[in-house]
PDB file of N, CA and C in Angstrom:
ATOM      1  N   MET A   1      95.746 124.062  84.028  1.00  0.00           N
ATOM      2  CA  MET A   1      95.366 123.181  85.181  1.00  0.00           C
ATOM      3  C   MET A   1      96.524 122.628  85.691  1.00  0.00           C
ATOM      4  N   PRO A   2      97.784 123.407  85.741  1.00  0.00           N
ATOM      5  CA  PRO A   2      99.001 122.807  86.174  1.00  0.00           C
ATOM      6  C   PRO A   2      98.971 122.569  87.734  1.00  0.00           C
ATOM      7  N   HIS A   3      98.001 123.233  88.593  1.00  0.00           N
ATOM      8  CA  HIS A   3      97.969 122.919  89.972  1.00  0.00           C
ATOM      9  C   HIS A   3      96.866 122.049  90.357  1.00  0.00           C
ATOM     10  N   ALA A   4      96.400 121.262  89.481  1.00  0.00           N
ATOM     11  CA  ALA A   4      95.234 120.284  89.757  1.00  0.00           C
ATOM     12  C   ALA A   4      95.654 119.380  90.933  1.00  0.00           C
ATOM     13  N   HIS A   5      94.752 119.094  91.817  1.00  0.00           N
ATOM     14  CA  HIS A   5      95.151 118.218  92.889  1.00  0.00           C
ATOM     15  C   HIS A   5      94.017 117.042  92.871  1.00  0.00           C
ATOM     16  N   TRP A   6      94.471 115.890  93.286  1.00  0.00           N
ATOM     17  CA  TRP A   6      93.663 114.798  93.499  1.00  0.00           C
ATOM     18  C   TRP A   6      92.894 114.778  94.745  1.00  0.00           C
ATOM     19  N   GLN A   7      91.613 114.273  94.788  1.00  0.00           N
ATOM     20  CA  GLN A   7      90.720 114.464  96.004  1.00  0.00           C
ATOM     21  C   GLN A   7      91.410 113.673  97.222  1.00  0.00           C
ATOM     22  N   LYS A   8      92.351 112.560  96.879  1.00  0.00           N
ATOM     23  CA  LYS A   8      93.018 111.952  97.911  1.00  0.00           C
ATOM     24  C   LYS A   8      94.364 111.735  97.514  1.00  0.00           C
ATOM     25  N   PRO A   9      95.503 112.131  98.095  1.00  0.00           N
ATOM     26  CA  PRO A   9      96.842 111.852  97.656  1.00  0.00           C
ATOM     27  C   PRO A   9      97.073 110.343  97.641  1.00  0.00           C
ATOM     28  N   VAL A  10      98.091 110.023  96.797  1.00  0.00           N
ATOM     29  CA  VAL A  10      98.592 108.664  96.686  1.00  0.00           C
ATOM     30  C   VAL A  10      99.822 108.679  97.500  1.00  0.00           C
ATOM     31  N   GLN A  11      99.910 107.657  98.442  1.00  0.00           N
ATOM     32  CA  GLN A  11     101.148 107.417  99.295  1.00  0.00           C
ATOM     33  C   GLN A  11     101.913 106.412  98.542  1.00  0.00           C
ATOM     34  N   VAL A  12     103.278 106.649  98.167  1.00  0.00           N
ATOM     35  CA  VAL A  12     104.088 105.792  97.439  1.00  0.00           C
ATOM     36  C   VAL A  12     105.300 105.595  98.366  1.00  0.00           C
ATOM     37  N   THR A  13     105.662 104.286  98.581  1.00  0.00           N
ATOM     38  CA  THR A  13     106.849 103.941  99.288  1.00  0.00           C
ATOM     39  C   THR A  13     108.063 103.617  98.321  1.00  0.00           C
ATOM     40  N   PHE A  14     109.075 104.232  98.677  1.00  0.00           N
ATOM     41  CA  PHE A  14     110.316 104.047  97.774  1.00  0.00           C
ATOM     42  C   PHE A  14     111.277 103.257  98.646  1.00  0.00           C
ATOM     43  N   GLY A  15     110.870 102.040  99.116  1.00  0.00           N
ATOM     44  CA  GLY A  15     111.641 101.020  99.827  1.00  0.00           C
ATOM     45  C   GLY A  15     112.246 101.857 101.029  1.00  0.00           C
ATOM     46  N   ASN A  16     113.596 101.769 101.235  1.00  0.00           N
ATOM     47  CA  ASN A  16     114.360 102.343 102.441  1.00  0.00           C
ATOM     48  C   ASN A  16     114.337 103.789 102.314  1.00  0.00           C
ATOM     49  N   LEU A  17     113.981 104.449 101.208  1.00  0.00           N
ATOM     50  CA  LEU A  17     114.066 105.988 101.049  1.00  0.00           C
ATOM     51  C   LEU A  17     112.703 106.620 101.729  1.00  0.00           C
ATOM     52  N   GLY A  18     111.657 105.874 102.062  1.00  0.00           N
ATOM     53  CA  GLY A  18     110.546 106.381 102.794  1.00  0.00           C
ATOM     54  C   GLY A  18     109.395 106.413 101.873  1.00  0.00           C
ATOM     55  N   THR A  19     108.386 107.211 102.266  1.00  0.00           N
ATOM     56  CA  THR A  19     107.057 107.240 101.706  1.00  0.00           C
ATOM     57  C   THR A  19     106.884 108.792 101.187  1.00  0.00           C
ATOM     58  N   GLU A  20     106.247 108.908 100.124  1.00  0.00           N
ATOM     59  CA  GLU A  20     106.054 110.194  99.772  1.00  0.00           C
ATOM     60  C   GLU A  20     104.502 110.310  99.340  1.00  0.00           C
ATOM     61  N   ALA A  21     103.818 111.486  99.648  1.00  0.00           N
ATOM     62  CA  ALA A  21     102.537 111.752  99.179  1.00  0.00           C
ATOM     63  C   ALA A  21     102.541 112.539  97.884  1.00  0.00           C
ATOM     64  N   VAL A  22     101.890 111.863  96.920  1.00  0.00           N
ATOM     65  CA  VAL A  22     101.657 112.513  95.676  1.00  0.00           C
ATOM     66  C   VAL A  22     100.289 112.973  95.456  1.00  0.00           C
ATOM     67  N   SER A  23     100.220 114.303  95.354  1.00  0.00           N
ATOM     68  CA  SER A  23      98.851 114.867  95.407  1.00  0.00           C
ATOM     69  C   SER A  23      98.305 115.344  94.171  1.00  0.00           C
ATOM     70  N   GLY A  24      98.868 115.206  92.947  1.00  0.00           N
ATOM     71  CA  GLY A  24      98.347 115.672  91.686  1.00  0.00           C
ATOM     72  C   GLY A  24      99.159 115.179  90.521  1.00  0.00           C
ATOM     73  N   PRO A  25      98.745 115.352  89.306  1.00  0.00           N
ATOM     74  CA  PRO A  25      99.373 115.029  88.079  1.00  0.00           C
ATOM     75  C   PRO A  25     100.825 115.702  87.980  1.00  0.00           C
ATOM     76  N   SER A  26     100.867 116.993  88.410  1.00  0.00           N
ATOM     77  CA  SER A  26     102.108 117.590  88.225  1.00  0.00           C
ATOM     78  C   SER A  26     103.224 116.949  89.150  1.00  0.00           C
ATOM     79  N   GLU A  27     102.844 116.594  90.402  1.00  0.00           N
ATOM     80  CA  GLU A  27     103.802 115.858  91.334  1.00  0.00           C
ATOM     81  C   GLU A  27     103.994 114.477  90.796  1.00  0.00           C
ATOM     82  N   ALA A  28     103.064 113.936  90.324  1.00  0.00           N
ATOM     83  CA  ALA A  28     103.249 112.518  89.704  1.00  0.00           C
ATOM     84  C   ALA A  28     104.233 112.641  88.586  1.00  0.00           C
ATOM     85  N   LEU A  29     104.140 113.476  87.720  1.00  0.00           N
ATOM     86  CA  LEU A  29     105.235 113.583  86.558  1.00  0.00           C
ATOM     87  C   LEU A  29     106.584 113.747  87.268  1.00  0.00           C
ATOM     88  N   ALA A  30     106.627 114.607  88.269  1.00  0.00           N
ATOM     89  CA  ALA A  30     108.053 114.784  88.798  1.00  0.00           C
ATOM     90  C   ALA A  30     108.525 113.550  89.423  1.00  0.00           C
ATOM     91  N   VAL A  31     107.727 112.700  90.035  1.00  0.00           N
ATOM     92  CA  VAL A  31     108.023 111.439  90.581  1.00  0.00           C
ATOM     93  C   VAL A  31     108.387 110.458  89.498  1.00  0.00           C
ATOM     94  N   LEU A  32     107.571 110.380  88.435  1.00  0.00           N
ATOM     95  CA  LEU A  32     107.892 109.457  87.426  1.00  0.00           C
ATOM     96  C   LEU A  32     109.167 109.806  86.625  1.00  0.00           C
ATOM     97  N   ALA A  33     109.507 111.013  86.638  1.00  0.00           N
ATOM     98  CA  ALA A  33     110.795 111.518  85.989  1.00  0.00           C
ATOM     99  C   ALA A  33     112.029 111.298  86.787  1.00  0.00           C
ATOM    100  N   ASP A  34     111.925 111.588  88.151  1.00  0.00           N
ATOM    101  CA  ASP A  34     113.111 111.796  88.914  1.00  0.00           C
ATOM    102  C   ASP A  34     113.252 110.640  90.041  1.00  0.00           C
ATOM    103  N   ARG A  35     112.135 109.930  90.373  1.00  0.00           N
ATOM    104  CA  ARG A  35     112.323 109.000  91.590  1.00  0.00           C
ATOM    105  C   ARG A  35     111.871 107.570  91.135  1.00  0.00           C
ATOM    106  N   TRP A  36     111.624 107.448  90.025  1.00  0.00           N
ATOM    107  CA  TRP A  36     111.047 106.055  89.520  1.00  0.00           C
ATOM    108  C   TRP A  36     112.153 105.130  89.478  1.00  0.00           C
ATOM    109  N   PRO A  37     111.880 103.734  89.973  1.00  0.00           N
ATOM    110  CA  PRO A  37     112.894 102.609  89.769  1.00  0.00           C
ATOM    111  C   PRO A  37     113.141 102.320  88.267  1.00  0.00           C
ATOM    112  N   GLU A  38     113.964 101.426  88.070  1.00  0.00           N
ATOM    113  CA  GLU A  38     114.481 101.161  86.766  1.00  0.00           C
ATOM    114  C   GLU A  38     113.231 100.517  85.844  1.00  0.00           C
ATOM    115  N   LEU A  39     112.384  99.736  86.451  1.00  0.00           N
ATOM    116  CA  LEU A  39     111.039  99.301  85.749  1.00  0.00           C
ATOM    117  C   LEU A  39     110.276 100.305  85.200  1.00  0.00           C
ATOM    118  N   LYS A  40     110.358 100.417  83.773  1.00  0.00           N
ATOM    119  CA  LYS A  40     109.450 101.402  83.218  1.00  0.00           C
ATOM    120  C   LYS A  40     108.544 100.605  82.115  1.00  0.00           C
ATOM    121  N   GLY A  41     107.506 100.083  82.595  1.00  0.00           N
ATOM    122  CA  GLY A  41     106.601  99.273  81.787  1.00  0.00           C
ATOM    123  C   GLY A  41     105.432 100.139  80.924  1.00  0.00           C
ATOM    124  N   PRO A  42     104.555  99.369  80.517  1.00  0.00           N
ATOM    125  CA  PRO A  42     103.545 100.144  79.865  1.00  0.00           C
ATOM    126  C   PRO A  42     102.555 101.083  80.587  1.00  0.00           C
ATOM    127  N   HIS A  43     102.463 100.695  81.872  1.00  0.00           N
ATOM    128  CA  HIS A  43     101.647 101.522  82.772  1.00  0.00           C
ATOM    129  C   HIS A  43     102.427 102.813  83.081  1.00  0.00           C
ATOM    130  N   PHE A  44     103.762 102.674  83.229  1.00  0.00           N
ATOM    131  CA  PHE A  44     104.525 103.884  83.467  1.00  0.00           C
ATOM    132  C   PHE A  44     104.389 104.902  82.292  1.00  0.00           C
ATOM    133  N   VAL A  45     104.575 104.356  81.056  1.00  0.00           N
ATOM    134  CA  VAL A  45     104.345 105.213  79.923  1.00  0.00           C
ATOM    135  C   VAL A  45     102.982 105.938  79.794  1.00  0.00           C
ATOM    136  N   LYS A  46     102.004 105.167  80.029  1.00  0.00           N
ATOM    137  CA  LYS A  46     100.661 105.634  80.036  1.00  0.00           C
ATOM    138  C   LYS A  46     100.398 106.671  81.195  1.00  0.00           C
ATOM    139  N   ALA A  47     100.890 106.420  82.350  1.00  0.00           N
ATOM    140  CA  ALA A  47     100.765 107.413  83.406  1.00  0.00           C
ATOM    141  C   ALA A  47     101.408 108.707  83.036  1.00  0.00           C
ATOM    142  N   ARG A  48     102.595 108.635  82.439  1.00  0.00           N
ATOM    143  CA  ARG A  48     103.127 109.993  81.941  1.00  0.00           C
ATOM    144  C   ARG A  48     102.162 110.792  81.025  1.00  0.00           C
ATOM    145  N   SER A  49     101.733 109.945  80.139  1.00  0.00           N
ATOM    146  CA  SER A  49     100.899 110.572  79.072  1.00  0.00           C
ATOM    147  C   SER A  49      99.574 111.119  79.742  1.00  0.00           C
ATOM    148  N   VAL A  50      98.913 110.284  80.530  1.00  0.00           N
ATOM    149  CA  VAL A  50      97.600 110.743  81.062  1.00  0.00           C
ATOM    150  C   VAL A  50      97.923 111.822  82.061  1.00  0.00           C
ATOM    151  N   CYS A  51      98.914 111.976  82.765  1.00  0.00           N
ATOM    152  CA  CYS A  51      99.254 113.126  83.676  1.00  0.00           C
ATOM    153  C   CYS A  51      99.456 114.392  82.939  1.00  0.00           C
ATOM    154  N   ARG A  52     100.143 114.265  81.765  1.00  0.00           N
ATOM    155  CA  ARG A  52     100.299 115.464  80.875  1.00  0.00           C
ATOM    156  C   ARG A  52      99.002 115.879  80.372  1.00  0.00           C
ATOM    157  N   ALA A  53      98.260 114.900  79.906  1.00  0.00           N
ATOM    158  CA  ALA A  53      96.800 115.284  79.232  1.00  0.00           C
ATOM    159  C   ALA A  53      95.951 115.834  80.427  1.00  0.00           C
ATOM    160  N   ALA A  54      96.088 115.465  81.723  1.00  0.00           N
ATOM    161  CA  ALA A  54      95.312 116.144  82.821  1.00  0.00           C
ATOM    162  C   ALA A  54      95.836 117.504  83.012  1.00  0.00           C
ATOM    163  N   LEU A  55      97.023 117.849  82.912  1.00  0.00           N
ATOM    164  CA  LEU A  55      97.659 119.188  83.039  1.00  0.00           C
ATOM    165  C   LEU A  55      97.173 120.079  81.945  1.00  0.00           C
ATOM    166  N   ASP A  56      96.950 119.397  80.590  1.00  0.00           N
ATOM    167  CA  ASP A  56      96.496 120.226  79.583  1.00  0.00           C
ATOM    168  C   ASP A  56      94.940 120.221  79.484  1.00  0.00           C
ATOM    169  N   GLY A  57      94.206 119.578  80.461  1.00  0.00           N
ATOM    170  CA  GLY A  57      92.746 119.752  80.393  1.00  0.00           C
ATOM    171  C   GLY A  57      92.105 118.628  79.443  1.00  0.00           C
ATOM    172  N   ARG A  58      93.006 117.726  78.861  1.00  0.00           N
ATOM    173  CA  ARG A  58      92.289 116.680  78.024  1.00  0.00           C
ATOM    174  C   ARG A  58      91.930 115.470  78.787  1.00  0.00           C
ATOM    175  N   LYS A  59      92.279 115.242  79.988  1.00  0.00           N
ATOM    176  CA  LYS A  59      91.911 114.280  80.894  1.00  0.00           C
ATOM    177  C   LYS A  59      91.532 114.845  82.340  1.00  0.00           C
ATOM    178  N   THR A  60      90.864 114.186  83.097  1.00  0.00           N
ATOM    179  CA  THR A  60      90.559 114.764  84.450  1.00  0.00           C
ATOM    180  C   THR A  60      91.896 114.322  85.273  1.00  0.00           C
ATOM    181  N   PRO A  61      91.984 115.096  86.439  1.00  0.00           N
ATOM    182  CA  PRO A  61      93.055 114.773  87.338  1.00  0.00           C
ATOM    183  C   PRO A  61      92.801 113.294  88.062  1.00  0.00           C
ATOM    184  N   GLU A  62      91.605 112.926  88.249  1.00  0.00           N
ATOM    185  CA  GLU A  62      91.243 111.564  88.716  1.00  0.00           C
ATOM    186  C   GLU A  62      91.673 110.490  87.756  1.00  0.00           C
ATOM    187  N   GLU A  63      91.584 110.739  86.492  1.00  0.00           N
ATOM    188  CA  GLU A  63      91.898 109.755  85.433  1.00  0.00           C
ATOM    189  C   GLU A  63      93.471 109.491  85.549  1.00  0.00           C
ATOM    190  N   ALA A  64      94.166 110.628  85.677  1.00  0.00           N
ATOM    191  CA  ALA A  64      95.662 110.752  85.919  1.00  0.00           C
ATOM    192  C   ALA A  64      95.945 109.943  87.171  1.00  0.00           C
ATOM    193  N   ARG A  65      95.253 110.130  88.280  1.00  0.00           N
ATOM    194  CA  ARG A  65      95.462 109.350  89.593  1.00  0.00           C
ATOM    195  C   ARG A  65      95.275 107.899  89.440  1.00  0.00           C
ATOM    196  N   GLN A  66      94.350 107.459  88.710  1.00  0.00           N
ATOM    197  CA  GLN A  66      94.001 105.971  88.432  1.00  0.00           C
ATOM    198  C   GLN A  66      95.202 105.348  87.592  1.00  0.00           C
ATOM    199  N   GLN A  67      95.713 106.203  86.678  1.00  0.00           N
ATOM    200  CA  GLN A  67      96.855 105.554  85.839  1.00  0.00           C
ATOM    201  C   GLN A  67      98.073 105.532  86.549  1.00  0.00           C
ATOM    202  N   PHE A  68      98.261 106.621  87.524  1.00  0.00           N
ATOM    203  CA  PHE A  68      99.553 106.652  88.244  1.00  0.00           C
ATOM    204  C   PHE A  68      99.527 105.506  89.308  1.00  0.00           C
ATOM    205  N   GLU A  69      98.383 105.191  89.927  1.00  0.00           N
ATOM    206  CA  GLU A  69      98.263 104.014  90.762  1.00  0.00           C
ATOM    207  C   GLU A  69      98.608 102.696  90.140  1.00  0.00           C
ATOM    208  N   GLN A  70      98.214 102.625  88.757  1.00  0.00           N
ATOM    209  CA  GLN A  70      98.485 101.362  88.055  1.00  0.00           C
ATOM    210  C   GLN A  70      99.982 101.293  87.759  1.00  0.00           C
ATOM    211  N   ALA A  71     100.596 102.392  87.519  1.00  0.00           N
ATOM    212  CA  ALA A  71     102.065 102.473  87.251  1.00  0.00           C
ATOM    213  C   ALA A  71     102.851 102.079  88.487  1.00  0.00           C
ATOM    214  N   VAL A  72     102.389 102.476  89.730  1.00  0.00           N
ATOM    215  CA  VAL A  72     102.878 102.258  90.996  1.00  0.00           C
ATOM    216  C   VAL A  72     102.835 100.847  91.226  1.00  0.00           C
ATOM    217  N   SER A  73     101.694 100.136  90.920  1.00  0.00           N
ATOM    218  CA  SER A  73     101.368  98.660  91.178  1.00  0.00           C
ATOM    219  C   SER A  73     102.455  97.974  90.212  1.00  0.00           C
ATOM    220  N   GLU A  74     102.480  98.421  88.933  1.00  0.00           N
ATOM    221  CA  GLU A  74     103.393  97.755  88.066  1.00  0.00           C
ATOM    222  C   GLU A  74     104.749  97.673  88.401  1.00  0.00           C
ATOM    223  N   ALA A  75     105.195  98.795  89.028  1.00  0.00           N
ATOM    224  CA  ALA A  75     106.677  98.803  89.724  1.00  0.00           C
ATOM    225  C   ALA A  75     106.806  98.094  90.916  1.00  0.00           C
ATOM    226  N   GLN A  76     105.770  97.514  91.456  1.00  0.00           N
ATOM    227  CA  GLN A  76     105.629  96.737  92.654  1.00  0.00           C
ATOM    228  C   GLN A  76     106.028  97.688  93.844  1.00  0.00           C
ATOM    229  N   MET A  77     105.490  98.924  93.842  1.00  0.00           N
ATOM    230  CA  MET A  77     105.704  99.853  94.957  1.00  0.00           C
ATOM    231  C   MET A  77     104.428  99.865  95.699  1.00  0.00           C
ATOM    232  N   HIS A  78     104.436 100.236  96.923  1.00  0.00           N
ATOM    233  CA  HIS A  78     103.220 100.231  97.759  1.00  0.00           C
ATOM    234  C   HIS A  78     102.352 101.451  97.509  1.00  0.00           C
ATOM    235  N   VAL A  79     101.090 101.285  97.443  1.00  0.00           N
ATOM    236  CA  VAL A  79     100.109 102.337  97.242  1.00  0.00           C
ATOM    237  C   VAL A  79      99.095 102.219  98.399  1.00  0.00           C
ATOM    238  N   ASN A  80      98.867 103.320  99.107  1.00  0.00           N
ATOM    239  CA  ASN A  80      97.849 103.439 100.187  1.00  0.00           C
ATOM    240  C   ASN A  80      96.610 104.165  99.558  1.00  0.00           C
TER     241      ASN A  80
END
């Protein structure tokens, strides 16, 4: 399920760097690994885990989306 997509992409704002639409757990993992700010709290850790589980079929893509949104909130980044 590596190409699983969410029903609605998550718009994440990276301050002055602009906004990015994240449309699935694979893209979310890339953002968490490559573009995340220094703050890496418990929601960040859980988002990585749930996104991996969604790619393996152990969680749904929508469960990954919910956890990714919580990580974005934890990092005080804007979610649409």
